[in-house]
Amino acid sequence: GDHIVCAAYSHELPRYGIKVGLTNYAAAYCTGLLVARRLLQRLGLDSLYAGAIEVTGDEFNVEPVDNGPGAFRCYLDVGLARTTTGARVFGAMK
């Protein structure tokens, strides 16, 4: 069976300043960011992989840490959601 390590839901986003549009692509993306930060915090990697500190608008890619844990492998369980191009479910994965 499935093993769920952590979860986040779009109805939690107003606590972080997002008050409108909780069912669009941007909300799915923000929910994906929220669950990623929670996972890093749960595993104690949030201080090791801090992310972008300042907002510059430039593309940001996380560099691997020497002698540290590697990248995660994640499988997106879409259930009955349609997997068409541009679907919100892929915004969460991104």
Protein backbone atom coordinates (compact mmCIF):
# COMPACT_ATOMS: atom_id res chain seq x y z
CA GLY A 1 0.00 0.00 0.00
CA ASP A 2 0.86 3.65 -0.07
CA HIS A 3 2.99 5.24 2.63
CA ILE A 4 2.21 8.92 3.28
CA VAL A 5 5.05 10.85 4.91
CA CYS A 6 3.42 14.31 4.96
CA ALA A 7 0.55 16.19 3.37
CA ALA A 8 -0.64 19.71 2.59
CA TYR A 9 -3.98 21.02 1.37
CA SER A 10 -4.91 24.15 -0.54
CA HIS A 11 -7.42 25.22 2.14
CA GLU A 12 -4.37 25.85 4.39
CA LEU A 13 -2.95 28.51 2.04
CA PRO A 14 -4.88 31.49 3.55
CA ARG A 15 -2.73 31.04 6.69
CA TYR A 16 0.25 31.94 4.50
CA GLY A 17 -1.29 34.99 2.81
CA ILE A 18 -3.02 33.44 -0.22
CA LYS A 19 -6.67 34.36 0.18
CA VAL A 20 -8.21 33.83 -3.27
CA GLY A 21 -8.23 31.19 -5.97
CA LEU A 22 -7.57 27.99 -4.05
CA THR A 23 -8.49 25.72 -6.98
CA ASN A 24 -6.26 27.06 -9.76
CA TYR A 25 -2.81 26.07 -11.08
CA ALA A 26 -1.01 28.63 -8.90
CA ALA A 27 -2.68 27.26 -5.76
CA ALA A 28 -1.63 23.73 -6.75
CA TYR A 29 1.95 24.97 -7.17
CA CYS A 30 1.90 26.72 -3.77
CA THR A 31 0.48 23.60 -2.13
CA GLY A 32 3.34 21.60 -3.66
CA LEU A 33 5.84 24.07 -2.19
CA LEU A 34 4.15 23.78 1.20
CA VAL A 35 4.32 19.99 1.25
CA ALA A 36 7.97 20.09 0.11
CA ARG A 37 8.94 22.43 2.96
CA ARG A 38 7.07 20.25 5.45
CA LEU A 39 8.87 17.15 4.22
CA LEU A 40 12.27 18.81 4.50
CA GLN A 41 11.41 19.99 8.01
CA ARG A 42 10.19 16.55 9.07
CA LEU A 43 13.40 14.92 7.85
CA GLY A 44 15.64 17.62 9.35
CA LEU A 45 16.91 18.79 5.96
CA ASP A 46 15.35 22.27 5.99
CA SER A 47 18.54 23.87 7.31
CA LEU A 48 20.72 21.92 4.85
CA TYR A 49 18.61 22.85 1.81
CA ALA A 50 17.42 26.38 2.59
CA GLY A 51 16.18 27.26 -0.91
CA ALA A 52 16.26 30.76 -2.36
CA ILE A 53 16.93 33.27 0.43
CA GLU A 54 16.23 36.43 -1.61
CA VAL A 55 13.62 36.83 -4.33
CA THR A 56 15.46 37.86 -7.51
CA GLY A 57 13.28 36.39 -10.25
CA ASP A 58 16.19 34.26 -11.49
CA GLU A 59 15.93 30.50 -11.93
CA PHE A 60 17.03 28.65 -8.79
CA ASN A 61 18.30 25.07 -8.78
CA VAL A 62 19.40 23.27 -5.64
CA GLU A 63 22.97 22.03 -5.80
CA PRO A 64 23.87 18.65 -4.25
CA VAL A 65 25.65 18.77 -0.90
CA ASP A 66 28.97 16.93 -0.54
CA ASN A 67 28.66 13.93 1.78
CA GLY A 68 24.99 14.74 2.29
CA PRO A 69 21.74 13.06 1.36
CA GLY A 70 20.91 12.90 -2.33
CA ALA A 71 17.78 13.79 -4.23
CA PHE A 72 14.36 12.35 -3.42
CA ARG A 73 12.43 10.08 -5.70
CA CYS A 74 8.76 10.97 -5.69
CA TYR A 75 5.81 9.28 -7.34
CA LEU A 76 2.73 11.35 -7.98
CA ASP A 77 -0.41 9.35 -7.24
CA VAL A 78 -3.02 11.19 -9.30
CA GLY A 79 -5.84 8.80 -8.48
CA LEU A 80 -8.79 9.53 -10.75
CA ALA A 81 -7.54 12.98 -11.84
CA ARG A 82 -7.14 13.49 -15.58
CA THR A 83 -3.54 13.66 -16.69
CA THR A 84 -3.93 16.12 -19.55
CA THR A 85 -1.36 18.73 -20.50
CA GLY A 86 -1.46 21.67 -18.07
CA ALA A 87 -3.49 19.84 -15.42
CA ARG A 88 -3.30 21.33 -11.92
CA VAL A 89 -1.99 18.07 -10.52
CA PHE A 90 1.28 18.66 -12.40
CA GLY A 91 1.56 22.13 -10.83
CA ALA A 92 1.76 20.45 -7.43
CA MET A 93 4.48 18.10 -8.67
CA LYS A 94 6.49 20.95 -10.17
